[in-house]
Amino acid sequence: MKLIIQIPCYDEEKTLPLTIRDLPKQINGIDEIEYLIINDGSGDRTVEVARELGVHHIVSFPNNRGLAKAFMAGIDACLKLGADIIVNTDGDNQYNGQDIEKLVRPILEGKAEVVVGDRQTDTIEHFSPLKKKLQKLGSWVVRLASRTDVIDTTSGFRAYSRDAAMRLNVISDYSYTLETIIEAGRKKTAIANVPVRTNEKLRESRLFKSMWGYIKKSASTIIRTYSMYRPLKVFLSLGIIFFSIGFLIGIRYLYFFFNGQGQGHIQSLILSSILITTGFQLGVFGLLADAISAIRKINDELLYRVKKLEYGDVKDKNGINTYLDEVAATKEE
């Protein structure tokens, strides 16, 4: 059983030594533990420091591409390196590395495919009261959208089984945390929560410059991701709202029309027509988007099978070609 701990880094030469120092050297049930750094276009000595610290693998971008791209590059590299379990942590030493054993335990015991560390944000001293409330609100919204019970949806301290990692497809350039939770929930992936500890704050977050910017980007990510997986519900709901408002305005116009006052309410008739037409069009868009969503699901499954071939997962330990068995079973269904 091989565990690879990946760490996305952007100018982390000062905090990386602390992060690496706290990582576990051995865990019961794990045969190999390796570290992988994703250098997201750092302008300091992050790579040199990583080499000095004995980091096993380094993936480098020539320029900064964002956390989501760095995360997925790390996942891809870990899978190619034969990881059975992948843990993602931050390079700013935000999370307590000793809690990695708690993260991987549910996967080792076969109880979960994805494990998310719950930072217990109410206990984090450097989080302002506003930030704590926004974290709770955001997590509640993501739980509704994903139909999961993930407590801390913005936590980047996570563990993935090999199979769960191969099913990851992140579109966002901003962050992977919210999108992957919604994606996992919609794919019925087994997700577990474990309480984890956080360390003292060493620097300001580079993910967002202001609270408003964070809210705006997070809301955009949630809406876009949810719309990709439930487009018919989104567009049909909007269509019904527009159609209903237009219909009520139309009824109002008819009331005045039959009372001989229709001439003074032509604007209501025009507005009613526009809203009803818009509602109908949104319903049609929903049907088209639902068809596209179905194609996306097929593409996700095809990509998953391609990854199994690429990463050499077509055979089990006994040499039986389970991949072909899965294809045959799919055809029978």
C-alpha atoms as a PDB file:
ATOM      1  CA  MET A   1       0.000   0.000   0.000  1.00  0.00           C
ATOM      2  CA  LYS A   2       1.576   3.231  -1.178  1.00  0.00           C
ATOM      3  CA  LEU A   3       0.695   6.692   0.139  1.00  0.00           C
ATOM      4  CA  ILE A   4       1.799   9.868  -1.613  1.00  0.00           C
ATOM      5  CA  ILE A   5       1.330  13.194   0.166  1.00  0.00           C
ATOM      6  CA  GLN A   6       1.063  16.020  -2.350  1.00  0.00           C
ATOM      7  CA  ILE A   7       1.673  19.668  -1.488  1.00  0.00           C
ATOM      8  CA  PRO A   8       0.745  22.487  -3.933  1.00  0.00           C
ATOM      9  CA  CYS A   9       3.268  25.289  -3.387  1.00  0.00           C
ATOM     10  CA  TYR A  10       3.561  28.908  -4.463  1.00  0.00           C
ATOM     11  CA  ASP A  11       6.485  30.757  -2.856  1.00  0.00           C
ATOM     12  CA  GLU A  12       6.608  28.503   0.198  1.00  0.00           C
ATOM     13  CA  GLU A  13      10.365  28.397   0.899  1.00  0.00           C
ATOM     14  CA  LYS A  14       9.845  29.669   4.463  1.00  0.00           C
ATOM     15  CA  THR A  15       6.905  27.473   5.463  1.00  0.00           C
ATOM     16  CA  LEU A  16       7.720  24.297   3.529  1.00  0.00           C
ATOM     17  CA  PRO A  17      10.345  23.038   6.046  1.00  0.00           C
ATOM     18  CA  LEU A  18       7.733  23.188   8.828  1.00  0.00           C
ATOM     19  CA  THR A  19       5.179  21.390   6.658  1.00  0.00           C
ATOM     20  CA  ILE A  20       7.563  18.593   5.678  1.00  0.00           C
ATOM     21  CA  ARG A  21       8.833  18.199   9.250  1.00  0.00           C
ATOM     22  CA  ASP A  22       5.342  17.336  10.525  1.00  0.00           C
ATOM     23  CA  LEU A  23       4.519  14.762   7.837  1.00  0.00           C
ATOM     24  CA  PRO A  24       4.368  11.147   9.049  1.00  0.00           C
ATOM     25  CA  LYS A  25       7.239   8.804   8.228  1.00  0.00           C
ATOM     26  CA  GLN A  26       5.239   5.630   8.809  1.00  0.00           C
ATOM     27  CA  ILE A  27       1.599   4.637   9.254  1.00  0.00           C
ATOM     28  CA  ASN A  28       0.190   1.238  10.184  1.00  0.00           C
ATOM     29  CA  GLY A  29      -1.204  -0.383   7.043  1.00  0.00           C
ATOM     30  CA  ILE A  30       0.944   1.744   4.711  1.00  0.00           C
ATOM     31  CA  ASP A  31       4.077   0.175   3.196  1.00  0.00           C
ATOM     32  CA  GLU A  32       5.490   3.268   1.465  1.00  0.00           C
ATOM     33  CA  ILE A  33       5.109   6.997   2.121  1.00  0.00           C
ATOM     34  CA  GLU A  34       6.396   9.510  -0.421  1.00  0.00           C
ATOM     35  CA  TYR A  35       6.103  13.309  -0.735  1.00  0.00           C
ATOM     36  CA  LEU A  36       5.332  15.233  -3.911  1.00  0.00           C
ATOM     37  CA  ILE A  37       5.594  18.993  -4.415  1.00  0.00           C
ATOM     38  CA  ILE A  38       3.668  20.878  -7.108  1.00  0.00           C
ATOM     39  CA  ASN A  39       5.623  24.074  -7.726  1.00  0.00           C
ATOM     40  CA  ASP A  40       3.034  26.512  -9.085  1.00  0.00           C
ATOM     41  CA  GLY A  41       5.451  28.962 -10.709  1.00  0.00           C
ATOM     42  CA  SER A  42       7.209  29.985  -7.482  1.00  0.00           C
ATOM     43  CA  GLY A  43       9.662  32.870  -7.717  1.00  0.00           C
ATOM     44  CA  ASP A  44      11.611  31.950  -4.599  1.00  0.00           C
ATOM     45  CA  ARG A  45      13.665  28.890  -3.544  1.00  0.00           C
ATOM     46  CA  THR A  46      10.705  26.559  -3.044  1.00  0.00           C
ATOM     47  CA  VAL A  47      12.082  23.885  -5.381  1.00  0.00           C
ATOM     48  CA  GLU A  48      15.605  24.066  -3.955  1.00  0.00           C
ATOM     49  CA  VAL A  49      14.283  23.843  -0.406  1.00  0.00           C
ATOM     50  CA  ALA A  50      12.117  20.843  -1.371  1.00  0.00           C
ATOM     51  CA  ARG A  51      15.163  19.045  -2.759  1.00  0.00           C
ATOM     52  CA  GLU A  52      17.191  19.869   0.349  1.00  0.00           C
ATOM     53  CA  LEU A  53      14.400  18.426   2.498  1.00  0.00           C
ATOM     54  CA  GLY A  54      14.476  15.160   0.552  1.00  0.00           C
ATOM     55  CA  VAL A  55      11.125  15.477  -1.194  1.00  0.00           C
ATOM     56  CA  HIS A  56      10.754  12.442  -3.454  1.00  0.00           C
ATOM     57  CA  HIS A  57       8.974  14.043  -6.435  1.00  0.00           C
ATOM     58  CA  ILE A  58       8.639  17.581  -7.806  1.00  0.00           C
ATOM     59  CA  VAL A  59       6.211  18.772 -10.484  1.00  0.00           C
ATOM     60  CA  SER A  60       6.912  22.320 -11.714  1.00  0.00           C
ATOM     61  CA  PHE A  61       4.946  24.902 -13.695  1.00  0.00           C
ATOM     62  CA  PRO A  62       6.898  27.694 -15.419  1.00  0.00           C
ATOM     63  CA  ASN A  63       4.261  30.209 -14.308  1.00  0.00           C
ATOM     64  CA  ASN A  64       1.477  30.437 -11.737  1.00  0.00           C
ATOM     65  CA  ARG A  65      -1.614  28.539 -12.931  1.00  0.00           C
ATOM     66  CA  GLY A  66      -3.725  28.537  -9.807  1.00  0.00           C
ATOM     67  CA  LEU A  67      -4.554  26.104  -7.034  1.00  0.00           C
ATOM     68  CA  ALA A  68      -7.024  23.989  -9.032  1.00  0.00           C
ATOM     69  CA  LYS A  69      -4.507  23.296 -11.819  1.00  0.00           C
ATOM     70  CA  ALA A  70      -1.756  22.530  -9.314  1.00  0.00           C
ATOM     71  CA  PHE A  71      -4.024  20.146  -7.410  1.00  0.00           C
ATOM     72  CA  MET A  72      -4.977  18.177 -10.537  1.00  0.00           C
ATOM     73  CA  ALA A  73      -1.370  18.079 -11.778  1.00  0.00           C
ATOM     74  CA  GLY A  74      -0.431  16.542  -8.438  1.00  0.00           C
ATOM     75  CA  ILE A  75      -3.241  13.978  -8.634  1.00  0.00           C
ATOM     76  CA  ASP A  76      -2.134  12.967 -12.133  1.00  0.00           C
ATOM     77  CA  ALA A  77       1.499  12.611 -11.045  1.00  0.00           C
ATOM     78  CA  CYS A  78       0.581  10.604  -7.935  1.00  0.00           C
ATOM     79  CA  LEU A  79      -1.495   8.173  -9.981  1.00  0.00           C
ATOM     80  CA  LYS A  80       1.330   7.697 -12.478  1.00  0.00           C
ATOM     81  CA  LEU A  81       3.680   7.013  -9.559  1.00  0.00           C
ATOM     82  CA  GLY A  82       1.424   4.204  -8.370  1.00  0.00           C
ATOM     83  CA  ALA A  83      -0.194   5.810  -5.314  1.00  0.00           C
ATOM     84  CA  ASP A  84      -2.938   3.728  -3.679  1.00  0.00           C
ATOM     85  CA  ILE A  85      -3.916   6.659  -1.449  1.00  0.00           C
ATOM     86  CA  ILE A  86      -3.302  10.359  -2.105  1.00  0.00           C
ATOM     87  CA  VAL A  87      -3.354  12.991   0.631  1.00  0.00           C
ATOM     88  CA  ASN A  88      -3.456  16.684  -0.225  1.00  0.00           C
ATOM     89  CA  THR A  89      -2.190  19.265   2.246  1.00  0.00           C
ATOM     90  CA  ASP A  90      -1.097  22.903   2.028  1.00  0.00           C
ATOM     91  CA  GLY A  91       2.447  24.225   1.871  1.00  0.00           C
ATOM     92  CA  ASP A  92       1.775  26.999   4.389  1.00  0.00           C
ATOM     93  CA  ASN A  93       1.701  24.525   7.302  1.00  0.00           C
ATOM     94  CA  GLN A  94      -1.970  25.287   7.964  1.00  0.00           C
ATOM     95  CA  TYR A  95      -2.781  21.646   8.784  1.00  0.00           C
ATOM     96  CA  ASN A  96      -1.239  19.381  11.401  1.00  0.00           C
ATOM     97  CA  GLY A  97       0.667  16.724   9.461  1.00  0.00           C
ATOM     98  CA  GLN A  98       0.287  14.163  12.248  1.00  0.00           C
ATOM     99  CA  ASP A  99      -3.445  14.003  11.482  1.00  0.00           C
ATOM    100  CA  ILE A 100      -2.754  12.400   8.088  1.00  0.00           C
ATOM    101  CA  GLU A 101      -3.028   9.002   9.760  1.00  0.00           C
ATOM    102  CA  LYS A 102      -6.588   9.927  10.787  1.00  0.00           C
ATOM    103  CA  LEU A 103      -7.350  10.917   7.200  1.00  0.00           C
ATOM    104  CA  VAL A 104      -6.209   7.674   5.589  1.00  0.00           C
ATOM    105  CA  ARG A 105      -7.682   5.333   8.214  1.00  0.00           C
ATOM    106  CA  PRO A 106     -11.282   5.267   6.815  1.00  0.00           C
ATOM    107  CA  ILE A 107      -9.877   4.441   3.357  1.00  0.00           C
ATOM    108  CA  LEU A 108      -7.650   1.679   4.736  1.00  0.00           C
ATOM    109  CA  GLU A 109     -10.655   0.224   6.554  1.00  0.00           C
ATOM    110  CA  GLY A 110     -12.787   0.377   3.397  1.00  0.00           C
ATOM    111  CA  LYS A 111     -15.289   2.788   4.946  1.00  0.00           C
ATOM    112  CA  ALA A 112     -14.737   5.709   2.548  1.00  0.00           C
ATOM    113  CA  GLU A 113     -13.215   6.666  -0.790  1.00  0.00           C
ATOM    114  CA  VAL A 114     -12.745  10.343   0.059  1.00  0.00           C
ATOM    115  CA  VAL A 115     -11.968  11.744   3.508  1.00  0.00           C
ATOM    116  CA  VAL A 116     -12.193  15.475   4.284  1.00  0.00           C
ATOM    117  CA  GLY A 117     -10.497  16.991   7.308  1.00  0.00           C
ATOM    118  CA  ASP A 118     -12.846  19.055   9.479  1.00  0.00           C
ATOM    119  CA  ARG A 119     -10.883  22.020  10.818  1.00  0.00           C
ATOM    120  CA  GLN A 120     -13.610  22.748  13.401  1.00  0.00           C
ATOM    121  CA  THR A 121     -13.580  26.377  12.308  1.00  0.00           C
ATOM    122  CA  ASP A 122     -15.279  27.613  15.488  1.00  0.00           C
ATOM    123  CA  THR A 123     -12.081  26.795  17.379  1.00  0.00           C
ATOM    124  CA  ILE A 124      -9.673  28.587  14.989  1.00  0.00           C
ATOM    125  CA  GLU A 125      -8.611  31.769  16.777  1.00  0.00           C
ATOM    126  CA  HIS A 126      -7.371  33.728  13.762  1.00  0.00           C
ATOM    127  CA  PHE A 127     -10.711  33.299  11.933  1.00  0.00           C
ATOM    128  CA  SER A 128     -12.897  36.364  12.412  1.00  0.00           C
ATOM    129  CA  PRO A 129     -16.539  35.876  13.511  1.00  0.00           C
ATOM    130  CA  LEU A 130     -17.662  36.918  10.001  1.00  0.00           C
ATOM    131  CA  LYS A 131     -15.369  34.383   8.344  1.00  0.00           C
ATOM    132  CA  LYS A 132     -16.614  31.608  10.629  1.00  0.00           C
ATOM    133  CA  LYS A 133     -20.229  32.406   9.745  1.00  0.00           C
ATOM    134  CA  LEU A 134     -19.445  32.550   6.038  1.00  0.00           C
ATOM    135  CA  GLN A 135     -17.606  29.216   6.248  1.00  0.00           C
ATOM    136  CA  LYS A 136     -20.640  27.621   7.867  1.00  0.00           C
ATOM    137  CA  LEU A 137     -23.040  29.167   5.359  1.00  0.00           C
ATOM    138  CA  GLY A 138     -20.902  28.116   2.404  1.00  0.00           C
ATOM    139  CA  SER A 139     -20.551  24.558   3.711  1.00  0.00           C
ATOM    140  CA  TRP A 140     -24.319  24.346   4.226  1.00  0.00           C
ATOM    141  CA  VAL A 141     -24.961  25.458   0.631  1.00  0.00           C
ATOM    142  CA  VAL A 142     -22.435  22.932  -0.734  1.00  0.00           C
ATOM    143  CA  ARG A 143     -24.005  20.152   1.347  1.00  0.00           C
ATOM    144  CA  LEU A 144     -27.379  20.948  -0.208  1.00  0.00           C
ATOM    145  CA  ALA A 145     -25.909  21.060  -3.718  1.00  0.00           C
ATOM    146  CA  SER A 146     -23.871  17.875  -3.307  1.00  0.00           C
ATOM    147  CA  ARG A 147     -26.265  15.898  -1.096  1.00  0.00           C
ATOM    148  CA  THR A 148     -23.405  15.021   1.224  1.00  0.00           C
ATOM    149  CA  ASP A 149     -22.723  15.561   4.910  1.00  0.00           C
ATOM    150  CA  VAL A 150     -19.285  17.165   4.515  1.00  0.00           C
ATOM    151  CA  ILE A 151     -18.787  19.491   7.487  1.00  0.00           C
ATOM    152  CA  ASP A 152     -15.893  21.653   6.259  1.00  0.00           C
ATOM    153  CA  THR A 153     -16.270  21.873   2.490  1.00  0.00           C
ATOM    154  CA  THR A 154     -13.455  24.387   1.955  1.00  0.00           C
ATOM    155  CA  SER A 155     -10.864  22.281   3.755  1.00  0.00           C
ATOM    156  CA  GLY A 156      -7.993  21.303   1.463  1.00  0.00           C
ATOM    157  CA  PHE A 157      -6.765  18.620   3.871  1.00  0.00           C
ATOM    158  CA  ARG A 158      -8.088  15.505   2.155  1.00  0.00           C
ATOM    159  CA  ALA A 159      -7.376  11.879   1.335  1.00  0.00           C
ATOM    160  CA  TYR A 160      -8.437  10.059  -1.842  1.00  0.00           C
ATOM    161  CA  SER A 161      -8.422   6.399  -2.713  1.00  0.00           C
ATOM    162  CA  ARG A 162      -6.824   5.572  -6.052  1.00  0.00           C
ATOM    163  CA  ASP A 163     -10.177   4.904  -7.693  1.00  0.00           C
ATOM    164  CA  ALA A 164     -11.727   8.134  -6.350  1.00  0.00           C
ATOM    165  CA  ALA A 165      -8.711  10.117  -7.580  1.00  0.00           C
ATOM    166  CA  MET A 166      -9.103   8.696 -11.087  1.00  0.00           C
ATOM    167  CA  ARG A 167     -12.704   9.929 -11.166  1.00  0.00           C
ATOM    168  CA  LEU A 168     -11.725  13.537 -10.388  1.00  0.00           C
ATOM    169  CA  ASN A 169     -12.298  16.109 -13.134  1.00  0.00           C
ATOM    170  CA  VAL A 170     -11.832  19.737 -12.100  1.00  0.00           C
ATOM    171  CA  ILE A 171     -12.871  22.497 -14.512  1.00  0.00           C
ATOM    172  CA  SER A 172     -12.440  25.524 -12.245  1.00  0.00           C
ATOM    173  CA  ASP A 173      -9.237  27.571 -12.384  1.00  0.00           C
ATOM    174  CA  TYR A 174      -9.909  28.995  -8.925  1.00  0.00           C
ATOM    175  CA  SER A 175     -10.104  26.177  -6.393  1.00  0.00           C
ATOM    176  CA  TYR A 176     -10.871  22.473  -6.372  1.00  0.00           C
ATOM    177  CA  THR A 177     -12.423  22.233  -2.890  1.00  0.00           C
ATOM    178  CA  LEU A 178     -16.075  23.034  -3.606  1.00  0.00           C
ATOM    179  CA  GLU A 179     -16.273  21.576  -7.105  1.00  0.00           C
ATOM    180  CA  THR A 180     -14.850  18.196  -6.106  1.00  0.00           C
ATOM    181  CA  ILE A 181     -17.304  17.854  -3.195  1.00  0.00           C
ATOM    182  CA  ILE A 182     -20.303  18.506  -5.453  1.00  0.00           C
ATOM    183  CA  GLU A 183     -18.840  16.181  -8.084  1.00  0.00           C
ATOM    184  CA  ALA A 184     -18.214  13.386  -5.560  1.00  0.00           C
ATOM    185  CA  GLY A 185     -21.679  13.747  -4.079  1.00  0.00           C
ATOM    186  CA  ARG A 186     -23.378  13.546  -7.459  1.00  0.00           C
ATOM    187  CA  LYS A 187     -21.317  10.437  -8.325  1.00  0.00           C
ATOM    188  CA  LYS A 188     -22.376   8.756  -5.052  1.00  0.00           C
ATOM    189  CA  THR A 189     -18.780   8.578  -3.817  1.00  0.00           C
ATOM    190  CA  ALA A 190     -18.410   7.450  -0.189  1.00  0.00           C
ATOM    191  CA  ILE A 191     -17.185  10.495   1.773  1.00  0.00           C
ATOM    192  CA  ALA A 192     -16.149  10.653   5.423  1.00  0.00           C
ATOM    193  CA  ASN A 193     -15.296  13.507   7.810  1.00  0.00           C
ATOM    194  CA  VAL A 194     -12.561  13.412  10.431  1.00  0.00           C
ATOM    195  CA  PRO A 195     -11.692  16.204  12.893  1.00  0.00           C
ATOM    196  CA  VAL A 196      -8.217  17.629  12.296  1.00  0.00           C
ATOM    197  CA  ARG A 197      -6.031  20.208  13.985  1.00  0.00           C
ATOM    198  CA  THR A 198      -4.700  23.419  12.494  1.00  0.00           C
ATOM    199  CA  ASN A 199      -1.432  25.185  13.189  1.00  0.00           C
ATOM    200  CA  GLU A 200      -0.686  28.812  13.923  1.00  0.00           C
ATOM    201  CA  LYS A 201      -1.244  31.155  10.992  1.00  0.00           C
ATOM    202  CA  LEU A 202       2.066  31.978   9.267  1.00  0.00           C
ATOM    203  CA  ARG A 203       0.908  34.159   6.377  1.00  0.00           C
ATOM    204  CA  GLU A 204      -2.181  35.622   4.705  1.00  0.00           C
ATOM    205  CA  SER A 205      -4.096  33.503   2.216  1.00  0.00           C
ATOM    206  CA  ARG A 206      -3.062  33.903  -1.417  1.00  0.00           C
ATOM    207  CA  LEU A 207      -6.239  32.313  -2.727  1.00  0.00           C
ATOM    208  CA  PHE A 208      -8.297  35.500  -2.405  1.00  0.00           C
ATOM    209  CA  LYS A 209      -7.496  39.173  -1.816  1.00  0.00           C
ATOM    210  CA  SER A 210     -10.714  40.103  -0.040  1.00  0.00           C
ATOM    211  CA  MET A 211     -13.687  38.452   1.642  1.00  0.00           C
ATOM    212  CA  TRP A 212     -16.008  39.775  -1.061  1.00  0.00           C
ATOM    213  CA  GLY A 213     -13.786  38.315  -3.785  1.00  0.00           C
ATOM    214  CA  TYR A 214     -13.818  34.953  -2.008  1.00  0.00           C
ATOM    215  CA  ILE A 215     -17.619  34.975  -1.713  1.00  0.00           C
ATOM    216  CA  LYS A 216     -18.082  35.941  -5.360  1.00  0.00           C
ATOM    217  CA  LYS A 217     -15.743  33.254  -6.704  1.00  0.00           C
ATOM    218  CA  SER A 218     -17.091  30.577  -4.380  1.00  0.00           C
ATOM    219  CA  ALA A 219     -20.702  31.352  -5.299  1.00  0.00           C
ATOM    220  CA  SER A 220     -19.819  31.270  -8.976  1.00  0.00           C
ATOM    221  CA  THR A 221     -18.120  27.878  -8.566  1.00  0.00           C
ATOM    222  CA  ILE A 222     -21.077  26.386  -6.666  1.00  0.00           C
ATOM    223  CA  ILE A 223     -23.666  27.627  -9.176  1.00  0.00           C
ATOM    224  CA  ARG A 224     -21.676  26.530 -12.224  1.00  0.00           C
ATOM    225  CA  THR A 225     -20.832  23.095 -10.831  1.00  0.00           C
ATOM    226  CA  TYR A 226     -24.382  22.426  -9.633  1.00  0.00           C
ATOM    227  CA  SER A 227     -25.743  23.548 -13.004  1.00  0.00           C
ATOM    228  CA  MET A 228     -23.473  21.075 -14.784  1.00  0.00           C
ATOM    229  CA  TYR A 229     -24.881  18.150 -12.813  1.00  0.00           C
ATOM    230  CA  ARG A 230     -28.526  19.304 -12.453  1.00  0.00           C
ATOM    231  CA  PRO A 231     -29.166  21.563 -15.473  1.00  0.00           C
ATOM    232  CA  LEU A 232     -32.772  20.531 -16.009  1.00  0.00           C
ATOM    233  CA  LYS A 233     -33.711  21.398 -12.440  1.00  0.00           C
ATOM    234  CA  VAL A 234     -31.909  24.763 -12.607  1.00  0.00           C
ATOM    235  CA  PHE A 235     -33.279  25.937 -15.962  1.00  0.00           C
ATOM    236  CA  LEU A 236     -36.748  24.455 -15.447  1.00  0.00           C
ATOM    237  CA  SER A 237     -37.056  26.149 -12.050  1.00  0.00           C
ATOM    238  CA  LEU A 238     -36.048  29.501 -13.543  1.00  0.00           C
ATOM    239  CA  GLY A 239     -38.402  28.902 -16.471  1.00  0.00           C
ATOM    240  CA  ILE A 240     -41.339  28.208 -14.169  1.00  0.00           C
ATOM    241  CA  ILE A 241     -40.608  31.373 -12.176  1.00  0.00           C
ATOM    242  CA  PHE A 242     -40.517  33.581 -15.292  1.00  0.00           C
ATOM    243  CA  PHE A 243     -43.543  31.855 -16.832  1.00  0.00           C
ATOM    244  CA  SER A 244     -45.581  32.148 -13.617  1.00  0.00           C
ATOM    245  CA  ILE A 245     -44.832  35.860 -13.184  1.00  0.00           C
ATOM    246  CA  GLY A 246     -45.675  36.500 -16.833  1.00  0.00           C
ATOM    247  CA  PHE A 247     -48.874  34.477 -16.526  1.00  0.00           C
ATOM    248  CA  LEU A 248     -50.023  36.419 -13.449  1.00  0.00           C
ATOM    249  CA  ILE A 249     -49.289  39.744 -15.152  1.00  0.00           C
ATOM    250  CA  GLY A 250     -51.256  38.460 -18.162  1.00  0.00           C
ATOM    251  CA  ILE A 251     -54.238  37.601 -15.929  1.00  0.00           C
ATOM    252  CA  ARG A 252     -54.029  41.103 -14.494  1.00  0.00           C
ATOM    253  CA  TYR A 253     -54.121  42.598 -17.987  1.00  0.00           C
ATOM    254  CA  LEU A 254     -57.139  40.464 -18.943  1.00  0.00           C
ATOM    255  CA  TYR A 255     -58.953  41.713 -15.833  1.00  0.00           C
ATOM    256  CA  PHE A 256     -58.491  45.308 -16.929  1.00  0.00           C
ATOM    257  CA  PHE A 257     -59.215  44.424 -20.563  1.00  0.00           C
ATOM    258  CA  PHE A 258     -62.634  42.927 -19.810  1.00  0.00           C
ATOM    259  CA  ASN A 259     -63.418  45.926 -17.648  1.00  0.00           C
ATOM    260  CA  GLY A 260     -62.787  48.257 -20.559  1.00  0.00           C
ATOM    261  CA  GLN A 261     -59.418  49.517 -19.275  1.00  0.00           C
ATOM    262  CA  GLY A 262     -57.120  47.417 -21.455  1.00  0.00           C
ATOM    263  CA  GLN A 263     -55.862  50.402 -23.484  1.00  0.00           C
ATOM    264  CA  GLY A 264     -53.983  51.798 -20.495  1.00  0.00           C
ATOM    265  CA  HIS A 265     -52.254  48.542 -19.626  1.00  0.00           C
ATOM    266  CA  ILE A 266     -50.564  47.574 -22.915  1.00  0.00           C
ATOM    267  CA  GLN A 267     -47.217  47.636 -21.075  1.00  0.00           C
ATOM    268  CA  SER A 268     -48.440  44.780 -18.869  1.00  0.00           C
ATOM    269  CA  LEU A 269     -49.353  42.756 -21.942  1.00  0.00           C
ATOM    270  CA  ILE A 270     -45.896  43.299 -23.460  1.00  0.00           C
ATOM    271  CA  LEU A 271     -44.129  42.417 -20.205  1.00  0.00           C
ATOM    272  CA  SER A 272     -46.311  39.320 -19.794  1.00  0.00           C
ATOM    273  CA  SER A 273     -45.456  38.147 -23.313  1.00  0.00           C
ATOM    274  CA  ILE A 274     -41.728  38.658 -22.731  1.00  0.00           C
ATOM    275  CA  LEU A 275     -41.731  36.791 -19.420  1.00  0.00           C
ATOM    276  CA  ILE A 276     -43.806  33.881 -20.717  1.00  0.00           C
ATOM    277  CA  THR A 277     -41.570  33.555 -23.781  1.00  0.00           C
ATOM    278  CA  THR A 278     -38.444  33.719 -21.619  1.00  0.00           C
ATOM    279  CA  GLY A 279     -39.835  31.065 -19.288  1.00  0.00           C
ATOM    280  CA  PHE A 280     -40.601  28.763 -22.211  1.00  0.00           C
ATOM    281  CA  GLN A 281     -37.115  29.286 -23.672  1.00  0.00           C
ATOM    282  CA  LEU A 282     -35.466  28.530 -20.319  1.00  0.00           C
ATOM    283  CA  GLY A 283     -37.410  25.255 -20.194  1.00  0.00           C
ATOM    284  CA  VAL A 284     -36.128  24.348 -23.663  1.00  0.00           C
ATOM    285  CA  PHE A 285     -32.582  25.307 -22.631  1.00  0.00           C
ATOM    286  CA  GLY A 286     -32.997  22.995 -19.637  1.00  0.00           C
ATOM    287  CA  LEU A 287     -33.855  20.054 -21.876  1.00  0.00           C
ATOM    288  CA  LEU A 288     -30.854  20.758 -24.108  1.00  0.00           C
ATOM    289  CA  ALA A 289     -28.544  21.217 -21.129  1.00  0.00           C
ATOM    290  CA  ASP A 290     -29.816  17.963 -19.630  1.00  0.00           C
ATOM    291  CA  ALA A 291     -28.894  16.156 -22.846  1.00  0.00           C
ATOM    292  CA  ILE A 292     -25.421  17.736 -22.702  1.00  0.00           C
ATOM    293  CA  SER A 293     -25.137  16.682 -19.054  1.00  0.00           C
ATOM    294  CA  ALA A 294     -25.901  13.090 -20.059  1.00  0.00           C
ATOM    295  CA  ILE A 295     -23.097  13.257 -22.630  1.00  0.00           C
ATOM    296  CA  ARG A 296     -20.785  14.640 -19.935  1.00  0.00           C
ATOM    297  CA  LYS A 297     -21.530  11.636 -17.728  1.00  0.00           C
ATOM    298  CA  ILE A 298     -20.631   9.309 -20.593  1.00  0.00           C
ATOM    299  CA  ASN A 299     -17.425  11.278 -21.225  1.00  0.00           C
ATOM    300  CA  ASP A 300     -16.517  11.105 -17.521  1.00  0.00           C
ATOM    301  CA  GLU A 301     -16.911   7.337 -17.593  1.00  0.00           C
ATOM    302  CA  LEU A 302     -14.846   7.052 -20.761  1.00  0.00           C
ATOM    303  CA  LEU A 303     -12.139   9.260 -19.261  1.00  0.00           C
ATOM    304  CA  TYR A 304     -12.131   7.089 -16.136  1.00  0.00           C
ATOM    305  CA  ARG A 305     -11.600   3.964 -18.241  1.00  0.00           C
ATOM    306  CA  VAL A 306      -8.858   5.661 -20.259  1.00  0.00           C
ATOM    307  CA  LYS A 307      -7.118   6.606 -17.004  1.00  0.00           C
ATOM    308  CA  LYS A 308      -7.280   2.998 -15.831  1.00  0.00           C
ATOM    309  CA  LEU A 309      -5.539   1.966 -19.022  1.00  0.00           C
ATOM    310  CA  GLU A 310      -3.003   4.799 -18.831  1.00  0.00           C
ATOM    311  CA  TYR A 311      -2.123   4.163 -15.190  1.00  0.00           C
ATOM    312  CA  GLY A 312      -1.942   0.396 -15.663  1.00  0.00           C
ATOM    313  CA  ASP A 313      -4.941  -0.484 -13.497  1.00  0.00           C
ATOM    314  CA  VAL A 314      -6.461  -3.007 -15.901  1.00  0.00           C
ATOM    315  CA  LYS A 315      -5.315  -6.002 -13.837  1.00  0.00           C
ATOM    316  CA  ASP A 316      -5.754  -6.932 -10.210  1.00  0.00           C
ATOM    317  CA  LYS A 317      -3.114  -8.546  -7.994  1.00  0.00           C
ATOM    318  CA  ASN A 318      -3.970 -12.047  -9.274  1.00  0.00           C
ATOM    319  CA  GLY A 319      -3.424 -11.011 -12.868  1.00  0.00           C
ATOM    320  CA  ILE A 320      -7.112 -11.171 -13.818  1.00  0.00           C
ATOM    321  CA  ASN A 321      -8.213  -8.528 -16.295  1.00  0.00           C
ATOM    322  CA  THR A 322     -10.931  -6.888 -14.212  1.00  0.00           C
ATOM    323  CA  TYR A 323     -11.140  -3.945 -16.578  1.00  0.00           C
ATOM    324  CA  LEU A 324     -12.486  -6.133 -19.400  1.00  0.00           C
ATOM    325  CA  ASP A 325     -14.893  -7.728 -16.932  1.00  0.00           C
ATOM    326  CA  GLU A 326     -16.243  -4.256 -16.109  1.00  0.00           C
ATOM    327  CA  VAL A 327     -16.713  -3.475 -19.816  1.00  0.00           C
ATOM    328  CA  ALA A 328     -18.546  -6.777 -20.361  1.00  0.00           C
ATOM    329  CA  ALA A 329     -20.788  -6.134 -17.350  1.00  0.00           C
ATOM    330  CA  THR A 330     -21.616  -2.658 -18.659  1.00  0.00           C
ATOM    331  CA  LYS A 331     -22.631  -4.086 -22.038  1.00  0.00           C
ATOM    332  CA  GLU A 332     -24.859  -6.673 -20.381  1.00  0.00           C
ATOM    333  CA  GLU A 333     -26.652  -3.938 -18.442  1.00  0.00           C
END
